[in-house]
């Protein structure tokens, strides 16, 4: 903005820079810059709008906290069941899987052509957790073609941004609590591929 790469608007006195963004949301941006903490009202309902503002100003700390908050709010609890005999209420676990609980998923695709090509698919915050060296690459707008809604990363080309091999990738995921849930492979000579689904369960069924 200040070196001329981005068009700017100055007031009539040419002393103030005008940023055409949501002033209400900027309150939270400014407070975070002052304190380093994201402090939102208990029933804050504008998470998506604040996320877009944080993305515009490229404040990764706010974006990460909002992604965690968004994931927490997506976990909905089922109504409480009342046991008339003992007059005790107990919560039932919410899950569509037989094993219960919620899980994080990372898909790893390997292709042996041209050496070893590795691509990753997952929610972006998971890749930032397991592979912190990719943070800047994941945030770079030039790589936006690999992102959906700026939340999910689809077939992100790992080899283009770090020198980890497949064994090191597997070790990272296993060390962060993931386990191989499924795998597949196929192709013809010179065009073979393998894919692995890593799953980390966040809570067990009651």
N, C-alpha and C. Protein backbone atom coordinates (compact mmCIF):
# COMPACT_ATOMS: atom_id res chain seq x y z
N UNK A 1 0.81 -1.21 0.00
CA UNK A 1 0.00 0.00 0.00
C UNK A 1 0.85 1.26 0.00
N UNK A 2 1.92 1.26 0.76
CA UNK A 2 2.72 2.46 0.89
C UNK A 2 3.83 2.58 -0.14
N UNK A 3 4.15 1.48 -0.84
CA UNK A 3 5.17 1.59 -1.87
C UNK A 3 4.57 1.70 -3.27
N UNK A 4 3.23 1.80 -3.34
CA UNK A 4 2.58 2.03 -4.62
C UNK A 4 2.10 0.81 -5.35
N UNK A 5 2.30 -0.39 -4.77
CA UNK A 5 1.86 -1.61 -5.45
C UNK A 5 0.35 -1.77 -5.41
N UNK A 6 -0.29 -1.19 -4.40
CA UNK A 6 -1.74 -1.29 -4.25
C UNK A 6 -2.33 0.11 -4.37
N UNK A 7 -3.35 0.30 -5.20
CA UNK A 7 -3.98 1.63 -5.31
C UNK A 7 -4.55 2.08 -3.97
N UNK A 8 -4.39 3.34 -3.65
CA UNK A 8 -4.86 3.87 -2.38
C UNK A 8 -5.72 5.10 -2.61
N UNK A 9 -6.50 5.45 -1.61
CA UNK A 9 -7.34 6.65 -1.65
C UNK A 9 -6.96 7.53 -0.47
N UNK A 10 -6.63 8.80 -0.75
CA UNK A 10 -6.28 9.75 0.30
C UNK A 10 -7.42 10.76 0.46
N UNK A 11 -7.55 11.31 1.67
CA UNK A 11 -8.57 12.34 1.87
C UNK A 11 -8.13 13.64 1.21
N UNK A 12 -8.96 14.67 1.32
CA UNK A 12 -8.68 15.93 0.61
C UNK A 12 -7.39 16.58 1.07
N UNK A 13 -7.03 16.34 2.33
CA UNK A 13 -5.78 16.91 2.85
C UNK A 13 -4.59 16.03 2.53
N UNK A 14 -4.85 14.85 1.97
CA UNK A 14 -3.80 13.88 1.61
C UNK A 14 -2.92 13.54 2.81
N UNK A 15 -3.57 13.36 3.94
CA UNK A 15 -2.84 13.00 5.15
C UNK A 15 -3.34 11.69 5.74
N UNK A 16 -4.46 11.20 5.26
CA UNK A 16 -5.03 9.99 5.82
C UNK A 16 -5.26 8.97 4.72
N UNK A 17 -4.91 7.73 5.00
CA UNK A 17 -5.15 6.64 4.06
C UNK A 17 -6.53 6.04 4.34
N UNK A 18 -7.30 5.82 3.30
CA UNK A 18 -8.63 5.25 3.44
C UNK A 18 -8.60 3.78 3.04
N UNK A 19 -9.00 2.90 3.96
CA UNK A 19 -9.07 1.46 3.71
C UNK A 19 -10.54 1.08 3.70
N UNK A 20 -11.03 0.67 2.57
CA UNK A 20 -12.46 0.40 2.39
C UNK A 20 -12.80 -1.00 2.91
N UNK A 21 -12.83 -1.13 4.24
CA UNK A 21 -13.19 -2.39 4.87
C UNK A 21 -14.21 -2.14 5.98
N UNK A 22 -14.67 -3.19 6.61
CA UNK A 22 -15.71 -3.10 7.63
C UNK A 22 -15.14 -2.50 8.92
N UNK A 23 -15.58 -1.29 9.26
CA UNK A 23 -15.07 -0.63 10.46
C UNK A 23 -15.44 -1.36 11.74
N UNK A 24 -16.62 -1.99 11.76
CA UNK A 24 -17.05 -2.74 12.94
C UNK A 24 -16.14 -3.93 13.20
N UNK A 25 -15.77 -4.64 12.15
CA UNK A 25 -14.89 -5.79 12.30
C UNK A 25 -13.46 -5.36 12.66
N UNK A 26 -13.07 -4.17 12.22
CA UNK A 26 -11.71 -3.71 12.47
C UNK A 26 -11.44 -3.52 13.96
N UNK A 27 -12.50 -3.32 14.72
CA UNK A 27 -12.33 -3.23 16.18
C UNK A 27 -11.63 -4.47 16.73
N UNK A 28 -12.05 -5.64 16.25
CA UNK A 28 -11.45 -6.89 16.73
C UNK A 28 -10.04 -7.06 16.18
N UNK A 29 -9.83 -6.63 14.95
CA UNK A 29 -8.49 -6.68 14.36
C UNK A 29 -7.53 -5.83 15.19
N UNK A 30 -7.95 -4.61 15.51
CA UNK A 30 -7.11 -3.68 16.25
C UNK A 30 -6.81 -4.19 17.65
N UNK A 31 -7.83 -4.74 18.33
CA UNK A 31 -7.61 -5.27 19.67
C UNK A 31 -6.63 -6.43 19.65
N UNK A 32 -6.70 -7.27 18.61
CA UNK A 32 -5.76 -8.38 18.52
C UNK A 32 -4.34 -7.87 18.31
N UNK A 33 -4.19 -6.84 17.50
CA UNK A 33 -2.86 -6.27 17.25
C UNK A 33 -2.30 -5.63 18.51
N UNK A 34 -3.17 -5.13 19.37
CA UNK A 34 -2.72 -4.51 20.63
C UNK A 34 -2.32 -5.54 21.68
N UNK A 35 -3.11 -6.62 21.77
CA UNK A 35 -2.94 -7.57 22.87
C UNK A 35 -2.37 -8.91 22.46
N UNK A 36 -2.47 -9.24 21.16
CA UNK A 36 -2.05 -10.57 20.73
C UNK A 36 -3.07 -11.64 21.07
N UNK A 37 -4.26 -11.24 21.52
CA UNK A 37 -5.31 -12.18 21.88
C UNK A 37 -6.59 -11.83 21.13
N UNK A 38 -7.32 -12.86 20.72
CA UNK A 38 -8.60 -12.65 20.05
C UNK A 38 -9.70 -12.75 21.10
N UNK A 39 -10.28 -11.62 21.45
CA UNK A 39 -11.30 -11.57 22.50
C UNK A 39 -12.63 -11.20 21.86
N UNK A 40 -13.52 -12.19 21.76
CA UNK A 40 -14.81 -12.00 21.12
C UNK A 40 -15.95 -12.18 22.12
N UNK A 41 -17.08 -11.53 21.90
CA UNK A 41 -18.25 -11.75 22.77
C UNK A 41 -18.65 -13.22 22.78
N UNK A 42 -19.30 -13.64 23.82
CA UNK A 42 -19.64 -15.05 23.99
C UNK A 42 -20.49 -15.59 22.84
N UNK A 43 -21.45 -14.79 22.37
CA UNK A 43 -22.33 -15.23 21.30
C UNK A 43 -22.02 -14.50 19.99
N UNK A 44 -20.75 -14.37 19.71
CA UNK A 44 -20.31 -13.68 18.49
C UNK A 44 -20.75 -14.48 17.27
N UNK A 45 -21.53 -13.85 16.39
CA UNK A 45 -22.14 -14.57 15.26
C UNK A 45 -21.58 -14.15 13.91
N UNK A 46 -20.48 -13.41 13.89
CA UNK A 46 -19.95 -12.92 12.63
C UNK A 46 -18.55 -13.47 12.38
N UNK A 47 -18.37 -14.74 12.71
CA UNK A 47 -17.07 -15.38 12.58
C UNK A 47 -16.56 -15.36 11.15
N UNK A 48 -17.43 -15.70 10.19
CA UNK A 48 -17.01 -15.76 8.80
C UNK A 48 -16.58 -14.39 8.28
N UNK A 49 -17.32 -13.36 8.68
CA UNK A 49 -16.99 -12.01 8.21
C UNK A 49 -15.66 -11.56 8.80
N UNK A 50 -15.44 -11.85 10.09
CA UNK A 50 -14.17 -11.48 10.71
C UNK A 50 -13.02 -12.26 10.08
N UNK A 51 -13.27 -13.52 9.71
CA UNK A 51 -12.23 -14.33 9.06
C UNK A 51 -11.80 -13.68 7.74
N UNK A 52 -12.77 -13.20 6.98
CA UNK A 52 -12.45 -12.55 5.71
C UNK A 52 -11.65 -11.27 5.93
N UNK A 53 -11.97 -10.53 6.99
CA UNK A 53 -11.21 -9.33 7.29
C UNK A 53 -9.77 -9.68 7.68
N UNK A 54 -9.61 -10.73 8.50
CA UNK A 54 -8.28 -11.15 8.90
C UNK A 54 -7.48 -11.64 7.70
N UNK A 55 -8.16 -12.29 6.76
CA UNK A 55 -7.48 -12.75 5.54
C UNK A 55 -7.04 -11.56 4.69
N UNK A 56 -7.88 -10.53 4.63
CA UNK A 56 -7.52 -9.35 3.85
C UNK A 56 -6.27 -8.68 4.42
N UNK A 57 -6.22 -8.56 5.76
CA UNK A 57 -5.07 -7.93 6.40
C UNK A 57 -3.92 -8.91 6.62
N UNK A 58 -4.11 -10.18 6.22
CA UNK A 58 -3.07 -11.21 6.33
C UNK A 58 -2.59 -11.38 7.76
N UNK A 59 -3.55 -11.51 8.69
CA UNK A 59 -3.23 -11.73 10.10
C UNK A 59 -3.49 -13.21 10.39
N UNK A 60 -2.46 -14.02 10.29
CA UNK A 60 -2.61 -15.47 10.37
C UNK A 60 -3.06 -15.92 11.75
N UNK A 61 -2.64 -15.20 12.80
CA UNK A 61 -3.01 -15.60 14.16
C UNK A 61 -4.52 -15.60 14.35
N UNK A 62 -5.18 -14.56 13.87
CA UNK A 62 -6.64 -14.49 13.99
C UNK A 62 -7.28 -15.59 13.16
N UNK A 63 -6.77 -15.82 11.97
CA UNK A 63 -7.34 -16.84 11.10
C UNK A 63 -7.27 -18.22 11.74
N UNK A 64 -6.15 -18.53 12.36
CA UNK A 64 -6.00 -19.84 13.00
C UNK A 64 -6.97 -19.99 14.17
N UNK A 65 -7.09 -18.93 14.99
CA UNK A 65 -8.00 -19.00 16.14
C UNK A 65 -9.45 -19.14 15.68
N UNK A 66 -9.81 -18.45 14.61
CA UNK A 66 -11.17 -18.54 14.10
C UNK A 66 -11.46 -19.91 13.50
N UNK A 67 -10.45 -20.52 12.89
CA UNK A 67 -10.64 -21.86 12.34
C UNK A 67 -10.88 -22.87 13.46
N UNK A 68 -10.15 -22.71 14.55
CA UNK A 68 -10.38 -23.60 15.70
C UNK A 68 -11.77 -23.36 16.28
N UNK A 69 -12.14 -22.08 16.42
CA UNK A 69 -13.46 -21.73 16.95
C UNK A 69 -14.57 -22.25 16.05
N UNK A 70 -14.37 -22.13 14.74
CA UNK A 70 -15.36 -22.61 13.78
C UNK A 70 -15.52 -24.12 13.88
N UNK A 71 -14.40 -24.82 14.03
CA UNK A 71 -14.48 -26.27 14.17
C UNK A 71 -15.18 -26.68 15.45
N UNK A 72 -14.97 -25.92 16.54
CA UNK A 72 -15.62 -26.23 17.81
C UNK A 72 -17.12 -26.02 17.72
N UNK A 73 -17.52 -24.93 17.06
CA UNK A 73 -18.95 -24.64 16.97
C UNK A 73 -19.69 -25.59 16.05
N UNK A 74 -18.95 -26.23 15.14
CA UNK A 74 -19.59 -27.20 14.25
C UNK A 74 -19.95 -28.49 14.97
N UNK A 75 -19.35 -28.68 16.15
CA UNK A 75 -19.64 -29.86 16.94
C UNK A 75 -20.92 -29.60 17.74
N UNK A 76 -22.01 -30.16 17.30
CA UNK A 76 -23.29 -29.93 17.96
C UNK A 76 -23.62 -31.09 18.88
N UNK A 77 -24.08 -30.75 20.07
CA UNK A 77 -24.45 -31.77 21.04
C UNK A 77 -25.90 -32.19 20.84
N UNK A 78 -26.17 -33.47 21.04
CA UNK A 78 -27.53 -33.97 20.96
C UNK A 78 -28.27 -33.61 22.23
N UNK A 79 -29.61 -33.58 22.20
CA UNK A 79 -30.39 -33.30 23.41
C UNK A 79 -30.09 -34.31 24.50
N UNK A 80 -30.24 -33.87 25.72
CA UNK A 80 -29.99 -34.73 26.86
C UNK A 80 -31.12 -35.74 27.02
N UNK A 81 -30.79 -36.98 27.34
CA UNK A 81 -31.78 -38.00 27.64
C UNK A 81 -31.95 -38.09 29.14
N UNK A 82 -33.19 -38.19 29.60
CA UNK A 82 -33.45 -38.23 31.04
C UNK A 82 -33.80 -39.65 31.44
N UNK A 83 -33.15 -40.14 32.45
CA UNK A 83 -33.43 -41.46 33.01
C UNK A 83 -34.39 -41.28 34.17
N UNK A 84 -35.66 -41.67 34.00
CA UNK A 84 -36.68 -41.43 35.02
C UNK A 84 -36.41 -42.21 36.30
N UNK A 85 -35.80 -43.39 36.14
CA UNK A 85 -35.59 -44.22 37.31
C UNK A 85 -34.66 -43.57 38.30
N UNK A 86 -33.53 -43.07 37.83
CA UNK A 86 -32.54 -42.47 38.72
C UNK A 86 -32.57 -40.95 38.67
N UNK A 87 -33.46 -40.39 37.82
CA UNK A 87 -33.56 -38.94 37.67
C UNK A 87 -32.20 -38.33 37.35
N UNK A 88 -31.47 -38.99 36.44
CA UNK A 88 -30.14 -38.56 36.05
C UNK A 88 -30.13 -38.31 34.56
N UNK A 89 -29.56 -37.16 34.14
CA UNK A 89 -29.44 -36.84 32.72
C UNK A 89 -28.06 -37.18 32.25
N UNK A 90 -27.95 -37.71 31.04
CA UNK A 90 -26.63 -38.03 30.48
C UNK A 90 -26.62 -37.66 29.02
N UNK A 91 -25.49 -37.15 28.57
CA UNK A 91 -25.35 -36.73 27.17
C UNK A 91 -24.96 -37.92 26.33
N UNK A 92 -25.51 -37.99 25.14
CA UNK A 92 -25.16 -39.04 24.20
C UNK A 92 -24.12 -38.52 23.23
N UNK A 93 -23.11 -39.30 22.90
CA UNK A 93 -22.09 -38.83 21.96
C UNK A 93 -22.70 -38.59 20.60
N UNK A 94 -22.23 -37.53 19.93
CA UNK A 94 -22.71 -37.18 18.60
C UNK A 94 -21.72 -37.68 17.57
N UNK A 95 -22.11 -38.66 16.78
CA UNK A 95 -21.22 -39.16 15.73
C UNK A 95 -21.99 -40.09 14.83
N UNK A 96 -21.65 -40.07 13.55
CA UNK A 96 -22.28 -40.99 12.61
C UNK A 96 -21.46 -42.26 12.44
N UNK A 97 -20.26 -42.29 13.01
CA UNK A 97 -19.42 -43.47 12.86
C UNK A 97 -19.66 -44.42 14.01
N UNK A 98 -19.42 -45.69 13.78
CA UNK A 98 -19.66 -46.70 14.79
C UNK A 98 -18.69 -46.58 15.95
N UNK A 99 -17.50 -46.02 15.72
CA UNK A 99 -16.50 -45.90 16.77
C UNK A 99 -16.73 -44.67 17.63
N UNK A 100 -17.59 -43.75 17.21
CA UNK A 100 -17.91 -42.58 18.01
C UNK A 100 -16.84 -41.51 17.92
N UNK A 101 -17.22 -40.31 18.31
CA UNK A 101 -16.27 -39.21 18.35
C UNK A 101 -16.10 -38.53 17.01
N UNK A 102 -15.23 -37.50 16.99
CA UNK A 102 -14.96 -36.74 15.79
C UNK A 102 -13.52 -36.98 15.39
N UNK A 103 -13.22 -36.75 14.13
CA UNK A 103 -11.88 -37.08 13.66
C UNK A 103 -11.36 -36.04 12.69
N UNK A 104 -10.03 -35.96 12.62
CA UNK A 104 -9.33 -35.15 11.63
C UNK A 104 -8.82 -36.10 10.54
N UNK A 105 -8.87 -35.65 9.31
CA UNK A 105 -8.45 -36.51 8.19
C UNK A 105 -7.41 -35.80 7.32
N UNK A 106 -6.40 -36.54 6.93
CA UNK A 106 -5.40 -36.05 5.99
C UNK A 106 -5.20 -37.13 4.92
N UNK A 107 -5.36 -36.75 3.66
CA UNK A 107 -5.13 -37.68 2.55
C UNK A 107 -3.76 -37.40 1.95
N UNK A 108 -2.97 -38.46 1.78
CA UNK A 108 -1.62 -38.34 1.21
C UNK A 108 -1.59 -39.11 -0.10
N UNK A 109 -1.22 -38.43 -1.16
CA UNK A 109 -1.14 -39.06 -2.48
C UNK A 109 0.31 -39.12 -2.91
N UNK A 110 0.77 -40.31 -3.32
CA UNK A 110 2.16 -40.51 -3.74
C UNK A 110 2.18 -40.98 -5.19
N UNK A 111 3.10 -40.41 -5.94
CA UNK A 111 3.31 -40.82 -7.33
C UNK A 111 4.81 -40.95 -7.57
N UNK A 112 5.26 -42.11 -8.05
CA UNK A 112 6.70 -42.32 -8.21
C UNK A 112 7.31 -41.66 -9.44
N UNK A 113 6.46 -41.11 -10.34
CA UNK A 113 7.02 -40.53 -11.55
C UNK A 113 7.81 -39.28 -11.23
N UNK A 114 8.90 -39.06 -11.94
CA UNK A 114 9.80 -37.93 -11.72
C UNK A 114 10.32 -37.90 -10.30
N UNK A 115 10.73 -39.06 -9.82
CA UNK A 115 11.23 -39.15 -8.45
C UNK A 115 10.12 -39.61 -7.53
N UNK A 116 9.68 -38.72 -6.66
CA UNK A 116 8.58 -39.03 -5.76
C UNK A 116 7.75 -37.77 -5.55
N UNK A 117 6.54 -37.77 -6.06
CA UNK A 117 5.66 -36.61 -5.94
C UNK A 117 4.66 -36.86 -4.83
N UNK A 118 4.57 -35.92 -3.89
CA UNK A 118 3.69 -36.06 -2.73
C UNK A 118 2.72 -34.89 -2.71
N UNK A 119 1.44 -35.19 -2.56
CA UNK A 119 0.45 -34.13 -2.41
C UNK A 119 -0.43 -34.43 -1.20
N UNK A 120 -0.93 -33.36 -0.57
CA UNK A 120 -1.70 -33.48 0.65
C UNK A 120 -3.06 -32.84 0.49
N UNK A 121 -4.07 -33.45 1.10
CA UNK A 121 -5.41 -32.89 1.13
C UNK A 121 -5.92 -32.94 2.57
N UNK A 122 -6.40 -31.80 3.08
CA UNK A 122 -6.88 -31.73 4.46
C UNK A 122 -7.40 -30.33 4.72
N UNK A 123 -7.94 -30.12 5.94
CA UNK A 123 -8.22 -28.77 6.37
C UNK A 123 -6.88 -28.06 6.56
N UNK A 124 -6.83 -26.81 6.16
CA UNK A 124 -5.55 -26.11 6.15
C UNK A 124 -4.90 -26.04 7.53
N UNK A 125 -5.71 -25.86 8.59
CA UNK A 125 -5.12 -25.73 9.91
C UNK A 125 -4.42 -27.02 10.35
N UNK A 126 -4.88 -28.18 9.83
CA UNK A 126 -4.21 -29.44 10.15
C UNK A 126 -2.82 -29.50 9.52
N UNK A 127 -2.73 -29.09 8.27
CA UNK A 127 -1.43 -29.09 7.60
C UNK A 127 -0.49 -28.09 8.26
N UNK A 128 -1.01 -26.97 8.72
CA UNK A 128 -0.17 -25.99 9.41
C UNK A 128 0.32 -26.54 10.75
N UNK A 129 -0.49 -27.39 11.37
CA UNK A 129 -0.09 -28.00 12.64
C UNK A 129 1.00 -29.04 12.44
N UNK A 130 0.80 -29.93 11.47
CA UNK A 130 1.73 -31.04 11.27
C UNK A 130 2.96 -30.62 10.48
N UNK A 131 2.78 -29.69 9.53
CA UNK A 131 3.88 -29.25 8.68
C UNK A 131 4.02 -27.72 8.77
N UNK A 132 4.54 -27.21 9.88
CA UNK A 132 4.61 -25.74 10.07
C UNK A 132 5.46 -25.05 9.02
N UNK A 133 6.38 -25.78 8.37
CA UNK A 133 7.21 -25.15 7.34
C UNK A 133 6.40 -24.77 6.10
N UNK A 134 5.16 -25.25 6.02
CA UNK A 134 4.32 -24.94 4.87
C UNK A 134 3.42 -23.72 5.10
N UNK A 135 3.45 -23.14 6.30
CA UNK A 135 2.50 -22.08 6.65
C UNK A 135 2.48 -20.94 5.64
N UNK A 136 3.66 -20.43 5.30
CA UNK A 136 3.70 -19.29 4.38
C UNK A 136 3.21 -19.69 2.99
N UNK A 137 3.53 -20.90 2.55
CA UNK A 137 3.08 -21.36 1.24
C UNK A 137 1.56 -21.53 1.20
N UNK A 138 0.98 -22.01 2.30
CA UNK A 138 -0.46 -22.20 2.36
C UNK A 138 -1.20 -20.87 2.38
N UNK A 139 -0.55 -19.83 2.92
CA UNK A 139 -1.19 -18.52 3.00
C UNK A 139 -0.98 -17.70 1.73
N UNK A 140 -0.02 -18.08 0.92
CA UNK A 140 0.31 -17.31 -0.28
C UNK A 140 -0.85 -17.35 -1.27
N UNK A 141 -1.33 -16.19 -1.68
CA UNK A 141 -2.47 -16.13 -2.59
C UNK A 141 -2.16 -16.78 -3.93
N UNK A 142 -0.89 -16.89 -4.29
CA UNK A 142 -0.53 -17.53 -5.56
C UNK A 142 -0.83 -19.02 -5.54
N UNK A 143 -1.02 -19.59 -4.36
CA UNK A 143 -1.34 -21.00 -4.25
C UNK A 143 -2.82 -21.21 -4.00
N UNK A 144 -3.62 -20.18 -4.18
CA UNK A 144 -5.04 -20.27 -3.85
C UNK A 144 -5.76 -21.31 -4.69
N UNK A 145 -5.18 -21.69 -5.80
CA UNK A 145 -5.81 -22.71 -6.62
C UNK A 145 -5.91 -24.05 -5.93
N UNK A 146 -5.14 -24.25 -4.87
CA UNK A 146 -5.18 -25.51 -4.15
C UNK A 146 -6.14 -25.46 -2.97
N UNK A 147 -6.78 -24.28 -2.73
CA UNK A 147 -7.64 -24.11 -1.57
C UNK A 147 -9.10 -23.97 -1.97
N UNK A 148 -9.99 -24.49 -1.13
CA UNK A 148 -11.42 -24.32 -1.31
C UNK A 148 -11.96 -23.55 -0.12
N UNK A 149 -12.56 -22.39 -0.38
CA UNK A 149 -13.10 -21.53 0.67
C UNK A 149 -12.01 -21.15 1.68
N UNK A 150 -10.77 -21.21 1.23
CA UNK A 150 -9.64 -20.86 2.09
C UNK A 150 -9.58 -21.70 3.35
N UNK A 151 -10.24 -22.83 3.36
CA UNK A 151 -10.23 -23.70 4.53
C UNK A 151 -9.67 -25.08 4.21
N UNK A 152 -10.10 -25.65 3.09
CA UNK A 152 -9.64 -26.97 2.71
C UNK A 152 -8.55 -26.87 1.65
N UNK A 153 -7.52 -27.67 1.81
CA UNK A 153 -6.42 -27.72 0.84
C UNK A 153 -6.53 -29.02 0.07
N UNK A 154 -6.63 -28.93 -1.24
CA UNK A 154 -6.83 -30.12 -2.07
C UNK A 154 -5.59 -30.37 -2.92
N UNK A 155 -4.97 -31.51 -2.72
CA UNK A 155 -3.78 -31.94 -3.47
C UNK A 155 -2.71 -30.84 -3.50
N UNK A 156 -2.33 -30.41 -2.32
CA UNK A 156 -1.27 -29.41 -2.21
C UNK A 156 0.07 -30.08 -2.52
N UNK A 157 0.85 -29.55 -3.47
CA UNK A 157 2.11 -30.20 -3.89
C UNK A 157 3.23 -29.99 -2.89
N UNK A 158 3.39 -30.93 -1.99
CA UNK A 158 4.37 -30.81 -0.91
C UNK A 158 5.78 -30.59 -1.44
N UNK A 159 6.15 -31.31 -2.50
CA UNK A 159 7.53 -31.26 -3.00
C UNK A 159 7.95 -29.87 -3.45
N UNK A 160 6.99 -29.06 -3.82
CA UNK A 160 7.34 -27.73 -4.30
C UNK A 160 7.74 -26.77 -3.21
N UNK A 161 7.53 -27.15 -1.93
CA UNK A 161 7.76 -26.20 -0.85
C UNK A 161 8.62 -26.74 0.30
N UNK A 162 8.89 -28.03 0.33
CA UNK A 162 9.82 -28.57 1.32
C UNK A 162 10.39 -29.88 0.80
N UNK A 163 11.40 -30.40 1.46
CA UNK A 163 12.13 -31.57 0.96
C UNK A 163 11.83 -32.84 1.73
N UNK A 164 10.65 -32.92 2.32
CA UNK A 164 10.29 -34.14 3.04
C UNK A 164 10.00 -35.27 2.05
N UNK A 165 10.43 -36.48 2.41
CA UNK A 165 10.06 -37.64 1.60
C UNK A 165 8.85 -38.32 2.23
N UNK A 166 8.36 -39.37 1.58
CA UNK A 166 7.12 -40.01 2.04
C UNK A 166 7.26 -40.60 3.43
N UNK A 167 8.42 -41.17 3.75
CA UNK A 167 8.62 -41.75 5.08
C UNK A 167 8.55 -40.66 6.14
N UNK A 168 9.16 -39.51 5.88
CA UNK A 168 9.12 -38.41 6.84
C UNK A 168 7.72 -37.85 7.00
N UNK A 169 6.96 -37.81 5.91
CA UNK A 169 5.57 -37.36 5.98
C UNK A 169 4.76 -38.31 6.86
N UNK A 170 4.93 -39.61 6.67
CA UNK A 170 4.22 -40.59 7.48
C UNK A 170 4.61 -40.46 8.95
N UNK A 171 5.90 -40.27 9.22
CA UNK A 171 6.36 -40.12 10.59
C UNK A 171 5.73 -38.91 11.27
N UNK A 172 5.66 -37.81 10.54
CA UNK A 172 5.05 -36.59 11.09
C UNK A 172 3.60 -36.86 11.50
N UNK A 173 2.86 -37.48 10.60
CA UNK A 173 1.45 -37.73 10.87
C UNK A 173 1.26 -38.70 12.02
N UNK A 174 2.05 -39.75 12.06
CA UNK A 174 1.96 -40.71 13.16
C UNK A 174 2.34 -40.07 14.49
N UNK A 175 3.35 -39.22 14.48
CA UNK A 175 3.77 -38.54 15.71
C UNK A 175 2.74 -37.54 16.22
N UNK A 176 1.84 -37.10 15.33
CA UNK A 176 0.77 -36.17 15.72
C UNK A 176 -0.53 -36.90 16.01
N UNK A 177 -0.46 -38.21 16.21
CA UNK A 177 -1.62 -38.97 16.63
C UNK A 177 -2.48 -39.53 15.51
N UNK A 178 -2.05 -39.41 14.26
CA UNK A 178 -2.82 -39.96 13.15
C UNK A 178 -2.50 -41.44 12.96
N UNK A 179 -3.46 -42.17 12.42
CA UNK A 179 -3.27 -43.57 12.06
C UNK A 179 -3.80 -43.80 10.65
N UNK A 180 -3.20 -44.77 9.95
CA UNK A 180 -3.67 -45.08 8.60
C UNK A 180 -5.00 -45.81 8.70
N UNK A 181 -6.03 -45.21 8.10
CA UNK A 181 -7.37 -45.79 8.12
C UNK A 181 -7.67 -46.57 6.85
N UNK A 182 -7.11 -46.13 5.74
CA UNK A 182 -7.36 -46.80 4.46
C UNK A 182 -6.26 -46.44 3.49
N UNK A 183 -6.13 -47.26 2.44
CA UNK A 183 -5.14 -46.99 1.40
C UNK A 183 -5.59 -47.63 0.10
N UNK A 184 -5.08 -47.10 -0.99
CA UNK A 184 -5.40 -47.65 -2.30
C UNK A 184 -4.26 -47.32 -3.26
N UNK A 185 -4.27 -47.91 -4.42
CA UNK A 185 -3.23 -47.67 -5.40
C UNK A 185 -3.60 -48.27 -6.73
N UNK A 186 -2.84 -47.90 -7.75
CA UNK A 186 -3.12 -48.45 -9.07
C UNK A 186 -2.33 -47.75 -10.14
N UNK A 187 -2.80 -47.83 -11.38
CA UNK A 187 -2.12 -47.21 -12.49
C UNK A 187 -1.40 -48.21 -13.36
N UNK A 188 -0.69 -47.68 -14.34
CA UNK A 188 0.11 -48.51 -15.23
C UNK A 188 1.57 -48.11 -15.09
N UNK A 189 2.45 -48.81 -15.74
CA UNK A 189 3.88 -48.53 -15.62
C UNK A 189 4.18 -47.08 -16.02
N UNK A 190 4.85 -46.41 -15.13
CA UNK A 190 5.19 -45.01 -15.36
C UNK A 190 4.13 -44.03 -14.90
N UNK A 191 2.94 -44.54 -14.55
CA UNK A 191 1.86 -43.67 -14.08
C UNK A 191 1.17 -44.30 -12.89
N UNK A 192 1.94 -44.78 -11.96
CA UNK A 192 1.39 -45.43 -10.78
C UNK A 192 1.11 -44.41 -9.68
N UNK A 193 0.25 -44.78 -8.74
CA UNK A 193 -0.05 -43.89 -7.63
C UNK A 193 -0.46 -44.72 -6.41
N UNK A 194 -0.29 -44.14 -5.25
CA UNK A 194 -0.77 -44.71 -3.99
C UNK A 194 -1.41 -43.58 -3.19
N UNK A 195 -2.49 -43.85 -2.50
CA UNK A 195 -3.13 -42.86 -1.66
C UNK A 195 -3.41 -43.46 -0.29
N UNK A 196 -3.20 -42.66 0.75
CA UNK A 196 -3.38 -43.10 2.12
C UNK A 196 -4.27 -42.10 2.85
N UNK A 197 -5.20 -42.62 3.63
CA UNK A 197 -6.05 -41.77 4.45
C UNK A 197 -5.63 -41.91 5.91
N UNK A 198 -5.14 -40.81 6.48
CA UNK A 198 -4.74 -40.77 7.89
C UNK A 198 -5.86 -40.13 8.70
N UNK A 199 -6.18 -40.76 9.83
CA UNK A 199 -7.29 -40.29 10.67
C UNK A 199 -6.80 -40.13 12.10
N UNK A 200 -7.24 -39.04 12.73
CA UNK A 200 -6.97 -38.83 14.17
C UNK A 200 -8.30 -38.57 14.86
N UNK A 201 -8.65 -39.43 15.76
CA UNK A 201 -9.93 -39.28 16.46
C UNK A 201 -9.74 -38.37 17.67
N UNK A 202 -10.64 -37.38 17.79
CA UNK A 202 -10.50 -36.38 18.83
C UNK A 202 -11.14 -36.76 20.14
N UNK A 203 -12.13 -37.62 20.11
CA UNK A 203 -12.75 -38.06 21.36
C UNK A 203 -13.35 -39.43 21.15
N UNK A 204 -13.39 -40.20 22.21
CA UNK A 204 -13.91 -41.55 22.15
C UNK A 204 -15.37 -41.57 22.55
N UNK A 205 -16.05 -42.61 22.12
CA UNK A 205 -17.47 -42.73 22.48
C UNK A 205 -17.60 -43.08 23.94
N UNK A 206 -18.72 -42.65 24.55
CA UNK A 206 -18.95 -42.90 25.97
C UNK A 206 -19.37 -44.34 26.17
